[in-house]
Amino acid sequence: MEHLKWSESEKKLSRRLYDAALNAELAEVMAEFKAKAAATTTAGEMWAIQSYLAQRERDIAGKYDYRYSQLLFVFGRLVREGRLQLEQLRGLAEDKLSYIEMIATL
């Protein structure tokens, strides 16, 4: 997929959708962290929050990669997870949409 060329409009759309999905997921983690922290009453629970945050950081770092060679995989996964809808990706070339749709069904 490295052979695919990205137009300026595709780059702008991709950046906007990527950032929105990443920011939404980070907001979810922040809300979960605050809820867990507010409910914490023991040192053990406090360390469990640290482990939770470290795992979420690894998950997010492994999922979001804005290199154009990886972006179709990222978008496919985000569609599969329900974080993006295929309709939001309209504006990308049909070949890219086909790849994303195929990846989303894996």
PDB file of N, CA and C in Angstrom:
ATOM      1  N   MET A   1       0.813  -1.197   0.000  1.00  0.00           N
ATOM      2  CA  MET A   1       0.000   0.000   0.000  1.00  0.00           C
ATOM      3  C   MET A   1       0.851   1.253   0.000  1.00  0.00           C
ATOM      4  N   GLU A   2       2.144   1.050   0.063  1.00  0.00           N
ATOM      5  CA  GLU A   2       3.055   2.190   0.001  1.00  0.00           C
ATOM      6  C   GLU A   2       3.025   2.864  -1.359  1.00  0.00           C
ATOM      7  N   HIS A   3       2.511   2.175  -2.362  1.00  0.00           N
ATOM      8  CA  HIS A   3       2.448   2.729  -3.711  1.00  0.00           C
ATOM      9  C   HIS A   3       1.322   3.743  -3.877  1.00  0.00           C
ATOM     10  N   LEU A   4       0.420   3.822  -2.934  1.00  0.00           N
ATOM     11  CA  LEU A   4      -0.709   4.744  -3.046  1.00  0.00           C
ATOM     12  C   LEU A   4      -0.244   6.178  -2.822  1.00  0.00           C
ATOM     13  N   LYS A   5      -0.755   7.061  -3.638  1.00  0.00           N
ATOM     14  CA  LYS A   5      -0.446   8.484  -3.508  1.00  0.00           C
ATOM     15  C   LYS A   5      -1.605   9.172  -2.803  1.00  0.00           C
ATOM     16  N   TRP A   6      -1.280  10.127  -1.967  1.00  0.00           N
ATOM     17  CA  TRP A   6      -2.279  10.863  -1.198  1.00  0.00           C
ATOM     18  C   TRP A   6      -2.351  12.298  -1.708  1.00  0.00           C
ATOM     19  N   SER A   7      -3.562  12.707  -2.101  1.00  0.00           N
ATOM     20  CA  SER A   7      -3.748  14.093  -2.544  1.00  0.00           C
ATOM     21  C   SER A   7      -3.767  15.004  -1.309  1.00  0.00           C
ATOM     22  N   GLU A   8      -3.644  16.288  -1.546  1.00  0.00           N
ATOM     23  CA  GLU A   8      -3.693  17.242  -0.433  1.00  0.00           C
ATOM     24  C   GLU A   8      -5.022  17.169   0.308  1.00  0.00           C
ATOM     25  N   SER A   9      -6.125  17.034  -0.428  1.00  0.00           N
ATOM     26  CA  SER A   9      -7.436  16.959   0.238  1.00  0.00           C
ATOM     27  C   SER A   9      -7.554  15.671   1.043  1.00  0.00           C
ATOM     28  N   GLU A  10      -6.981  14.575   0.547  1.00  0.00           N
ATOM     29  CA  GLU A  10      -7.002  13.313   1.303  1.00  0.00           C
ATOM     30  C   GLU A  10      -6.149  13.429   2.560  1.00  0.00           C
ATOM     31  N   LYS A  11      -5.036  14.109   2.460  1.00  0.00           N
ATOM     32  CA  LYS A  11      -4.179  14.300   3.625  1.00  0.00           C
ATOM     33  C   LYS A  11      -4.889  15.121   4.697  1.00  0.00           C
ATOM     34  N   LYS A  12      -5.573  16.159   4.283  1.00  0.00           N
ATOM     35  CA  LYS A  12      -6.292  17.003   5.243  1.00  0.00           C
ATOM     36  C   LYS A  12      -7.426  16.231   5.915  1.00  0.00           C
ATOM     37  N   LEU A  13      -8.212  15.502   5.115  1.00  0.00           N
ATOM     38  CA  LEU A  13      -9.301  14.693   5.659  1.00  0.00           C
ATOM     39  C   LEU A  13      -8.751  13.637   6.616  1.00  0.00           C
ATOM     40  N   SER A  14      -7.690  12.963   6.205  1.00  0.00           N
ATOM     41  CA  SER A  14      -7.095  11.916   7.028  1.00  0.00           C
ATOM     42  C   SER A  14      -6.603  12.468   8.358  1.00  0.00           C
ATOM     43  N   ARG A  15      -5.929  13.590   8.314  1.00  0.00           N
ATOM     44  CA  ARG A  15      -5.413  14.198   9.548  1.00  0.00           C
ATOM     45  C   ARG A  15      -6.547  14.565  10.488  1.00  0.00           C
ATOM     46  N   ARG A  16      -7.602  15.150   9.933  1.00  0.00           N
ATOM     47  CA  ARG A  16      -8.741  15.572  10.757  1.00  0.00           C
ATOM     48  C   ARG A  16      -9.402  14.369  11.420  1.00  0.00           C
ATOM     49  N   LEU A  17      -9.640  13.302  10.660  1.00  0.00           N
ATOM     50  CA  LEU A  17     -10.293  12.113  11.205  1.00  0.00           C
ATOM     51  C   LEU A  17      -9.404  11.380  12.195  1.00  0.00           C
ATOM     52  N   TYR A  18      -8.129  11.278  11.873  1.00  0.00           N
ATOM     53  CA  TYR A  18      -7.157  10.628  12.757  1.00  0.00           C
ATOM     54  C   TYR A  18      -7.113  11.355  14.103  1.00  0.00           C
ATOM     55  N   ASP A  19      -6.938  12.669  14.045  1.00  0.00           N
ATOM     56  CA  ASP A  19      -6.860  13.453  15.281  1.00  0.00           C
ATOM     57  C   ASP A  19      -8.143  13.349  16.098  1.00  0.00           C
ATOM     58  N   ALA A  20      -9.287  13.387  15.434  1.00  0.00           N
ATOM     59  CA  ALA A  20     -10.566  13.297  16.152  1.00  0.00           C
ATOM     60  C   ALA A  20     -10.707  11.949  16.839  1.00  0.00           C
ATOM     61  N   ALA A  21     -10.341  10.869  16.153  1.00  0.00           N
ATOM     62  CA  ALA A  21     -10.450   9.533  16.751  1.00  0.00           C
ATOM     63  C   ALA A  21      -9.480   9.384  17.920  1.00  0.00           C
ATOM     64  N   LEU A  22      -8.261   9.840  17.742  1.00  0.00           N
ATOM     65  CA  LEU A  22      -7.266   9.758  18.815  1.00  0.00           C
ATOM     66  C   LEU A  22      -7.699  10.586  20.017  1.00  0.00           C
ATOM     67  N   ASN A  23      -8.140  11.803  19.789  1.00  0.00           N
ATOM     68  CA  ASN A  23      -8.571  12.665  20.895  1.00  0.00           C
ATOM     69  C   ASN A  23      -9.788  12.096  21.619  1.00  0.00           C
ATOM     70  N   ALA A  24     -10.706  11.491  20.886  1.00  0.00           N
ATOM     71  CA  ALA A  24     -11.877  10.882  21.516  1.00  0.00           C
ATOM     72  C   ALA A  24     -11.456   9.703  22.394  1.00  0.00           C
ATOM     73  N   GLU A  25     -10.536   8.887  21.896  1.00  0.00           N
ATOM     74  CA  GLU A  25     -10.088   7.744  22.695  1.00  0.00           C
ATOM     75  C   GLU A  25      -9.315   8.214  23.930  1.00  0.00           C
ATOM     76  N   LEU A  26      -8.490   9.226  23.775  1.00  0.00           N
ATOM     77  CA  LEU A  26      -7.772   9.767  24.930  1.00  0.00           C
ATOM     78  C   LEU A  26      -8.741  10.358  25.953  1.00  0.00           C
ATOM     79  N   ALA A  27      -9.803  10.993  25.496  1.00  0.00           N
ATOM     80  CA  ALA A  27     -10.815  11.540  26.409  1.00  0.00           C
ATOM     81  C   ALA A  27     -11.505  10.413  27.177  1.00  0.00           C
ATOM     82  N   GLU A  28     -11.759   9.290  26.507  1.00  0.00           N
ATOM     83  CA  GLU A  28     -12.350   8.132  27.189  1.00  0.00           C
ATOM     84  C   GLU A  28     -11.427   7.613  28.285  1.00  0.00           C
ATOM     85  N   VAL A  29     -10.145   7.514  27.968  1.00  0.00           N
ATOM     86  CA  VAL A  29      -9.172   7.047  28.961  1.00  0.00           C
ATOM     87  C   VAL A  29      -9.109   8.015  30.131  1.00  0.00           C
ATOM     88  N   MET A  30      -9.118   9.291  29.838  1.00  0.00           N
ATOM     89  CA  MET A  30      -9.071  10.294  30.900  1.00  0.00           C
ATOM     90  C   MET A  30     -10.298  10.173  31.815  1.00  0.00           C
ATOM     91  N   ALA A  31     -11.463  10.000  31.230  1.00  0.00           N
ATOM     92  CA  ALA A  31     -12.681   9.860  32.032  1.00  0.00           C
ATOM     93  C   ALA A  31     -12.625   8.584  32.880  1.00  0.00           C
ATOM     94  N   GLU A  32     -12.145   7.494  32.301  1.00  0.00           N
ATOM     95  CA  GLU A  32     -12.022   6.242  33.050  1.00  0.00           C
ATOM     96  C   GLU A  32     -11.010   6.402  34.185  1.00  0.00           C
ATOM     97  N   PHE A  33      -9.901   7.067  33.897  1.00  0.00           N
ATOM     98  CA  PHE A  33      -8.888   7.313  34.921  1.00  0.00           C
ATOM     99  C   PHE A  33      -9.472   8.117  36.078  1.00  0.00           C
ATOM    100  N   LYS A  34     -10.173   9.193  35.771  1.00  0.00           N
ATOM    101  CA  LYS A  34     -10.751  10.028  36.826  1.00  0.00           C
ATOM    102  C   LYS A  34     -11.749   9.255  37.675  1.00  0.00           C
ATOM    103  N   ALA A  35     -12.571   8.436  37.030  1.00  0.00           N
ATOM    104  CA  ALA A  35     -13.548   7.631  37.774  1.00  0.00           C
ATOM    105  C   ALA A  35     -12.841   6.630  38.679  1.00  0.00           C
ATOM    106  N   LYS A  36     -11.829   5.964  38.144  1.00  0.00           N
ATOM    107  CA  LYS A  36     -11.076   4.985  38.943  1.00  0.00           C
ATOM    108  C   LYS A  36     -10.362   5.676  40.104  1.00  0.00           C
ATOM    109  N   ALA A  37      -9.741   6.813  39.819  1.00  0.00           N
ATOM    110  CA  ALA A  37      -9.011   7.534  40.867  1.00  0.00           C
ATOM    111  C   ALA A  37      -9.958   8.009  41.966  1.00  0.00           C
ATOM    112  N   ALA A  38     -11.126   8.472  41.576  1.00  0.00           N
ATOM    113  CA  ALA A  38     -12.093   8.947  42.567  1.00  0.00           C
ATOM    114  C   ALA A  38     -12.598   7.817  43.454  1.00  0.00           C
ATOM    115  N   ALA A  39     -12.631   6.615  42.917  1.00  0.00           N
ATOM    116  CA  ALA A  39     -13.131   5.462  43.684  1.00  0.00           C
ATOM    117  C   ALA A  39     -12.032   4.742  44.459  1.00  0.00           C
ATOM    118  N   THR A  40     -10.788   5.163  44.300  1.00  0.00           N
ATOM    119  CA  THR A  40      -9.666   4.487  44.931  1.00  0.00           C
ATOM    120  C   THR A  40      -9.623   4.778  46.419  1.00  0.00           C
ATOM    121  N   THR A  41      -9.465   3.703  47.195  1.00  0.00           N
ATOM    122  CA  THR A  41      -9.380   3.862  48.651  1.00  0.00           C
ATOM    123  C   THR A  41      -8.164   3.172  49.255  1.00  0.00           C
ATOM    124  N   THR A  42      -7.454   2.362  48.459  1.00  0.00           N
ATOM    125  CA  THR A  42      -6.290   1.643  48.992  1.00  0.00           C
ATOM    126  C   THR A  42      -5.091   1.851  48.077  1.00  0.00           C
ATOM    127  N   ALA A  43      -3.913   1.569  48.653  1.00  0.00           N
ATOM    128  CA  ALA A  43      -2.684   1.671  47.865  1.00  0.00           C
ATOM    129  C   ALA A  43      -2.705   0.664  46.720  1.00  0.00           C
ATOM    130  N   GLY A  44      -3.236  -0.518  46.949  1.00  0.00           N
ATOM    131  CA  GLY A  44      -3.320  -1.525  45.892  1.00  0.00           C
ATOM    132  C   GLY A  44      -4.139  -1.045  44.711  1.00  0.00           C
ATOM    133  N   GLU A  45      -5.245  -0.371  45.005  1.00  0.00           N
ATOM    134  CA  GLU A  45      -6.073   0.171  43.927  1.00  0.00           C
ATOM    135  C   GLU A  45      -5.337   1.271  43.174  1.00  0.00           C
ATOM    136  N   MET A  46      -4.532   2.035  43.891  1.00  0.00           N
ATOM    137  CA  MET A  46      -3.763   3.105  43.262  1.00  0.00           C
ATOM    138  C   MET A  46      -2.770   2.515  42.265  1.00  0.00           C
ATOM    139  N   TRP A  47      -2.071   1.464  42.639  1.00  0.00           N
ATOM    140  CA  TRP A  47      -1.102   0.848  41.724  1.00  0.00           C
ATOM    141  C   TRP A  47      -1.810   0.169  40.563  1.00  0.00           C
ATOM    142  N   ALA A  48      -3.005  -0.327  40.786  1.00  0.00           N
ATOM    143  CA  ALA A  48      -3.774  -0.923  39.684  1.00  0.00           C
ATOM    144  C   ALA A  48      -4.108   0.130  38.636  1.00  0.00           C
ATOM    145  N   ILE A  49      -4.354   1.353  39.067  1.00  0.00           N
ATOM    146  CA  ILE A  49      -4.620   2.447  38.116  1.00  0.00           C
ATOM    147  C   ILE A  49      -3.383   2.717  37.282  1.00  0.00           C
ATOM    148  N   GLN A  50      -2.220   2.683  37.915  1.00  0.00           N
ATOM    149  CA  GLN A  50      -0.976   2.888  37.184  1.00  0.00           C
ATOM    150  C   GLN A  50      -0.812   1.811  36.113  1.00  0.00           C
ATOM    151  N   SER A  51      -1.092   0.576  36.463  1.00  0.00           N
ATOM    152  CA  SER A  51      -0.998  -0.524  35.494  1.00  0.00           C
ATOM    153  C   SER A  51      -2.006  -0.341  34.366  1.00  0.00           C
ATOM    154  N   TYR A  52      -3.218   0.053  34.729  1.00  0.00           N
ATOM    155  CA  TYR A  52      -4.262   0.310  33.732  1.00  0.00           C
ATOM    156  C   TYR A  52      -3.806   1.383  32.738  1.00  0.00           C
ATOM    157  N   LEU A  53      -3.261   2.480  33.251  1.00  0.00           N
ATOM    158  CA  LEU A  53      -2.815   3.576  32.378  1.00  0.00           C
ATOM    159  C   LEU A  53      -1.657   3.149  31.483  1.00  0.00           C
ATOM    160  N   ALA A  54      -0.737   2.376  32.025  1.00  0.00           N
ATOM    161  CA  ALA A  54       0.396   1.905  31.219  1.00  0.00           C
ATOM    162  C   ALA A  54      -0.098   1.002  30.083  1.00  0.00           C
ATOM    163  N   GLN A  55      -1.059   0.137  30.380  1.00  0.00           N
ATOM    164  CA  GLN A  55      -1.598  -0.741  29.343  1.00  0.00           C
ATOM    165  C   GLN A  55      -2.337   0.053  28.274  1.00  0.00           C
ATOM    166  N   ARG A  56      -3.138   1.012  28.684  1.00  0.00           N
ATOM    167  CA  ARG A  56      -3.870   1.839  27.718  1.00  0.00           C
ATOM    168  C   ARG A  56      -2.904   2.649  26.859  1.00  0.00           C
ATOM    169  N   GLU A  57      -1.823   3.135  27.451  1.00  0.00           N
ATOM    170  CA  GLU A  57      -0.826   3.872  26.676  1.00  0.00           C
ATOM    171  C   GLU A  57      -0.212   2.970  25.608  1.00  0.00           C
ATOM    172  N   ARG A  58       0.116   1.737  25.964  1.00  0.00           N
ATOM    173  CA  ARG A  58       0.674   0.801  24.981  1.00  0.00           C
ATOM    174  C   ARG A  58      -0.342   0.498  23.880  1.00  0.00           C
ATOM    175  N   ASP A  59      -1.601   0.291  24.278  1.00  0.00           N
ATOM    176  CA  ASP A  59      -2.654  -0.003  23.291  1.00  0.00           C
ATOM    177  C   ASP A  59      -2.796   1.147  22.283  1.00  0.00           C
ATOM    178  N   ILE A  60      -2.861   2.344  22.795  1.00  0.00           N
ATOM    179  CA  ILE A  60      -3.061   3.517  21.940  1.00  0.00           C
ATOM    180  C   ILE A  60      -1.832   3.762  21.059  1.00  0.00           C
ATOM    181  N   ALA A  61      -0.652   3.641  21.633  1.00  0.00           N
ATOM    182  CA  ALA A  61       0.571   3.840  20.850  1.00  0.00           C
ATOM    183  C   ALA A  61       0.686   2.802  19.736  1.00  0.00           C
ATOM    184  N   GLY A  62       0.204   1.590  19.985  1.00  0.00           N
ATOM    185  CA  GLY A  62       0.255   0.552  18.976  1.00  0.00           C
ATOM    186  C   GLY A  62      -0.808   0.686  17.904  1.00  0.00           C
ATOM    187  N   LYS A  63      -1.849   1.386  18.213  1.00  0.00           N
ATOM    188  CA  LYS A  63      -2.979   1.529  17.282  1.00  0.00           C
ATOM    189  C   LYS A  63      -2.823   2.728  16.358  1.00  0.00           C
ATOM    190  N   TYR A  64      -2.387   3.850  16.884  1.00  0.00           N
ATOM    191  CA  TYR A  64      -2.364   5.096  16.116  1.00  0.00           C
ATOM    192  C   TYR A  64      -0.969   5.338  15.534  1.00  0.00           C
ATOM    193  N   ASP A  65      -0.895   5.354  14.222  1.00  0.00           N
ATOM    194  CA  ASP A  65       0.359   5.555  13.492  1.00  0.00           C
ATOM    195  C   ASP A  65       0.008   6.360  12.248  1.00  0.00           C
ATOM    196  N   TYR A  66       0.469   7.599  12.193  1.00  0.00           N
ATOM    197  CA  TYR A  66       0.060   8.468  11.099  1.00  0.00           C
ATOM    198  C   TYR A  66       1.003   8.424   9.893  1.00  0.00           C
ATOM    199  N   ARG A  67       1.739   7.374   9.717  1.00  0.00           N
ATOM    200  CA  ARG A  67       2.506   7.239   8.481  1.00  0.00           C
ATOM    201  C   ARG A  67       1.535   6.801   7.386  1.00  0.00           C
ATOM    202  N   TYR A  68       1.677   7.400   6.210  1.00  0.00           N
ATOM    203  CA  TYR A  68       0.744   7.082   5.126  1.00  0.00           C
ATOM    204  C   TYR A  68       0.783   5.609   4.756  1.00  0.00           C
ATOM    205  N   SER A  69       1.913   4.953   4.961  1.00  0.00           N
ATOM    206  CA  SER A  69       2.007   3.524   4.673  1.00  0.00           C
ATOM    207  C   SER A  69       1.187   2.687   5.655  1.00  0.00           C
ATOM    208  N   GLN A  70       0.822   3.264   6.783  1.00  0.00           N
ATOM    209  CA  GLN A  70       0.080   2.543   7.819  1.00  0.00           C
ATOM    210  C   GLN A  70      -1.350   3.037   7.984  1.00  0.00           C
ATOM    211  N   LEU A  71      -1.651   4.170   7.420  1.00  0.00           N
ATOM    212  CA  LEU A  71      -2.917   4.847   7.696  1.00  0.00           C
ATOM    213  C   LEU A  71      -4.149   4.041   7.299  1.00  0.00           C
ATOM    214  N   LEU A  72      -4.084   3.293   6.214  1.00  0.00           N
ATOM    215  CA  LEU A  72      -5.247   2.490   5.821  1.00  0.00           C
ATOM    216  C   LEU A  72      -5.516   1.397   6.843  1.00  0.00           C
ATOM    217  N   PHE A  73      -4.460   0.826   7.429  1.00  0.00           N
ATOM    218  CA  PHE A  73      -4.631  -0.171   8.481  1.00  0.00           C
ATOM    219  C   PHE A  73      -5.240   0.463   9.728  1.00  0.00           C
ATOM    220  N   VAL A  74      -4.762   1.652  10.058  1.00  0.00           N
ATOM    221  CA  VAL A  74      -5.293   2.377  11.214  1.00  0.00           C
ATOM    222  C   VAL A  74      -6.777   2.662  11.006  1.00  0.00           C
ATOM    223  N   PHE A  75      -7.132   3.202   9.847  1.00  0.00           N
ATOM    224  CA  PHE A  75      -8.529   3.519   9.585  1.00  0.00           C
ATOM    225  C   PHE A  75      -9.388   2.258   9.542  1.00  0.00           C
ATOM    226  N   GLY A  76      -8.873   1.189   8.969  1.00  0.00           N
ATOM    227  CA  GLY A  76      -9.622  -0.069   8.951  1.00  0.00           C
ATOM    228  C   GLY A  76      -9.929  -0.548  10.356  1.00  0.00           C
ATOM    229  N   ARG A  77      -8.941  -0.480  11.225  1.00  0.00           N
ATOM    230  CA  ARG A  77      -9.159  -0.899  12.617  1.00  0.00           C
ATOM    231  C   ARG A  77     -10.149   0.019  13.323  1.00  0.00           C
ATOM    232  N   LEU A  78     -10.029   1.319  13.088  1.00  0.00           N
ATOM    233  CA  LEU A  78     -10.943   2.274  13.732  1.00  0.00           C
ATOM    234  C   LEU A  78     -12.378   2.060  13.261  1.00  0.00           C
ATOM    235  N   VAL A  79     -12.558   1.721  11.997  1.00  0.00           N
ATOM    236  CA  VAL A  79     -13.905   1.408  11.487  1.00  0.00           C
ATOM    237  C   VAL A  79     -14.406   0.135  12.152  1.00  0.00           C
ATOM    238  N   ARG A  80     -13.566  -0.889  12.220  1.00  0.00           N
ATOM    239  CA  ARG A  80     -13.958  -2.149  12.846  1.00  0.00           C
ATOM    240  C   ARG A  80     -14.362  -1.932  14.311  1.00  0.00           C
ATOM    241  N   GLU A  81     -13.659  -1.061  15.012  1.00  0.00           N
ATOM    242  CA  GLU A  81     -13.943  -0.779  16.419  1.00  0.00           C
ATOM    243  C   GLU A  81     -15.121   0.174  16.602  1.00  0.00           C
ATOM    244  N   GLY A  82     -15.612   0.749  15.519  1.00  0.00           N
ATOM    245  CA  GLY A  82     -16.721   1.691  15.620  1.00  0.00           C
ATOM    246  C   GLY A  82     -16.293   3.105  15.971  1.00  0.00           C
ATOM    247  N   ARG A  83     -15.015   3.381  15.918  1.00  0.00           N
ATOM    248  CA  ARG A  83     -14.513   4.720  16.229  1.00  0.00           C
ATOM    249  C   ARG A  83     -14.592   5.650  15.031  1.00  0.00           C
ATOM    250  N   LEU A  84     -14.677   5.077  13.842  1.00  0.00           N
ATOM    251  CA  LEU A  84     -14.898   5.811  12.594  1.00  0.00           C
ATOM    252  C   LEU A  84     -15.956   5.074  11.796  1.00  0.00           C
ATOM    253  N   GLN A  85     -16.681   5.817  10.985  1.00  0.00           N
ATOM    254  CA  GLN A  85     -17.651   5.230  10.063  1.00  0.00           C
ATOM    255  C   GLN A  85     -17.100   5.392   8.644  1.00  0.00           C
ATOM    256  N   LEU A  86     -17.399   4.426   7.802  1.00  0.00           N
ATOM    257  CA  LEU A  86     -16.935   4.520   6.413  1.00  0.00           C
ATOM    258  C   LEU A  86     -17.392   5.812   5.756  1.00  0.00           C
ATOM    259  N   GLU A  87     -18.577   6.266   6.086  1.00  0.00           N
ATOM    260  CA  GLU A  87     -19.099   7.510   5.496  1.00  0.00           C
ATOM    261  C   GLU A  87     -18.188   8.694   5.790  1.00  0.00           C
ATOM    262  N   GLN A  88     -17.558   8.689   6.954  1.00  0.00           N
ATOM    263  CA  GLN A  88     -16.661   9.787   7.302  1.00  0.00           C
ATOM    264  C   GLN A  88     -15.433   9.818   6.391  1.00  0.00           C
ATOM    265  N   LEU A  89     -15.093   8.681   5.833  1.00  0.00           N
ATOM    266  CA  LEU A  89     -13.905   8.557   4.999  1.00  0.00           C
ATOM    267  C   LEU A  89     -14.164   8.883   3.529  1.00  0.00           C
ATOM    268  N   ARG A  90     -15.426   9.173   3.186  1.00  0.00           N
ATOM    269  CA  ARG A  90     -15.723   9.584   1.813  1.00  0.00           C
ATOM    270  C   ARG A  90     -14.926  10.845   1.529  1.00  0.00           C
ATOM    271  N   GLY A  91     -14.282  10.870   0.422  1.00  0.00           N
ATOM    272  CA  GLY A  91     -13.336  11.934   0.105  1.00  0.00           C
ATOM    273  C   GLY A  91     -11.972  11.335  -0.160  1.00  0.00           C
ATOM    274  N   LEU A  92     -11.777  10.102   0.345  1.00  0.00           N
ATOM    275  CA  LEU A  92     -10.581   9.351  -0.021  1.00  0.00           C
ATOM    276  C   LEU A  92     -10.858   8.653  -1.344  1.00  0.00           C
ATOM    277  N   ALA A  93      -9.816   8.358  -2.081  1.00  0.00           N
ATOM    278  CA  ALA A  93      -9.960   7.668  -3.362  1.00  0.00           C
ATOM    279  C   ALA A  93     -10.584   6.290  -3.150  1.00  0.00           C
ATOM    280  N   GLU A  94     -11.261   5.814  -4.172  1.00  0.00           N
ATOM    281  CA  GLU A  94     -11.969   4.524  -4.075  1.00  0.00           C
ATOM    282  C   GLU A  94     -11.036   3.374  -3.737  1.00  0.00           C
ATOM    283  N   ASP A  95      -9.815   3.384  -4.265  1.00  0.00           N
ATOM    284  CA  ASP A  95      -8.899   2.287  -3.943  1.00  0.00           C
ATOM    285  C   ASP A  95      -8.563   2.269  -2.453  1.00  0.00           C
ATOM    286  N   LYS A  96      -8.398   3.436  -1.862  1.00  0.00           N
ATOM    287  CA  LYS A  96      -8.124   3.512  -0.427  1.00  0.00           C
ATOM    288  C   LYS A  96      -9.335   3.053   0.377  1.00  0.00           C
ATOM    289  N   LEU A  97     -10.520   3.494  -0.028  1.00  0.00           N
ATOM    290  CA  LEU A  97     -11.737   3.071   0.668  1.00  0.00           C
ATOM    291  C   LEU A  97     -11.926   1.559   0.601  1.00  0.00           C
ATOM    292  N   SER A  98     -11.594   0.976  -0.540  1.00  0.00           N
ATOM    293  CA  SER A  98     -11.704  -0.481  -0.687  1.00  0.00           C
ATOM    294  C   SER A  98     -10.768  -1.195   0.271  1.00  0.00           C
ATOM    295  N   TYR A  99      -9.539  -0.716   0.371  1.00  0.00           N
ATOM    296  CA  TYR A  99      -8.589  -1.312   1.314  1.00  0.00           C
ATOM    297  C   TYR A  99      -9.096  -1.178   2.751  1.00  0.00           C
ATOM    298  N   ILE A 100      -9.563  -0.005   3.106  1.00  0.00           N
ATOM    299  CA  ILE A 100     -10.048   0.233   4.470  1.00  0.00           C
ATOM    300  C   ILE A 100     -11.221  -0.691   4.783  1.00  0.00           C
ATOM    301  N   GLU A 101     -12.149  -0.783   3.857  1.00  0.00           N
ATOM    302  CA  GLU A 101     -13.310  -1.638   4.055  1.00  0.00           C
ATOM    303  C   GLU A 101     -12.894  -3.095   4.216  1.00  0.00           C
ATOM    304  N   MET A 102     -11.944  -3.547   3.417  1.00  0.00           N
ATOM    305  CA  MET A 102     -11.464  -4.921   3.510  1.00  0.00           C
ATOM    306  C   MET A 102     -10.795  -5.164   4.868  1.00  0.00           C
ATOM    307  N   ILE A 103      -9.970  -4.237   5.294  1.00  0.00           N
ATOM    308  CA  ILE A 103      -9.281  -4.365   6.580  1.00  0.00           C
ATOM    309  C   ILE A 103     -10.286  -4.359   7.725  1.00  0.00           C
ATOM    310  N   ALA A 104     -11.309  -3.553   7.623  1.00  0.00           N
ATOM    311  CA  ALA A 104     -12.325  -3.459   8.682  1.00  0.00           C
ATOM    312  C   ALA A 104     -13.076  -4.771   8.877  1.00  0.00           C
ATOM    313  N   THR A 105     -13.141  -5.595   7.841  1.00  0.00           N
ATOM    314  CA  THR A 105     -13.886  -6.845   7.948  1.00  0.00           C
ATOM    315  C   THR A 105     -13.026  -7.991   8.470  1.00  0.00           C
ATOM    316  N   LEU A 106     -11.726  -7.788   8.620  1.00  0.00           N
ATOM    317  CA  LEU A 106     -10.852  -8.859   9.111  1.00  0.00           C
ATOM    318  C   LEU A 106     -11.101  -9.176  10.563  1.00  0.00           C
TER     319      LEU A 106
END
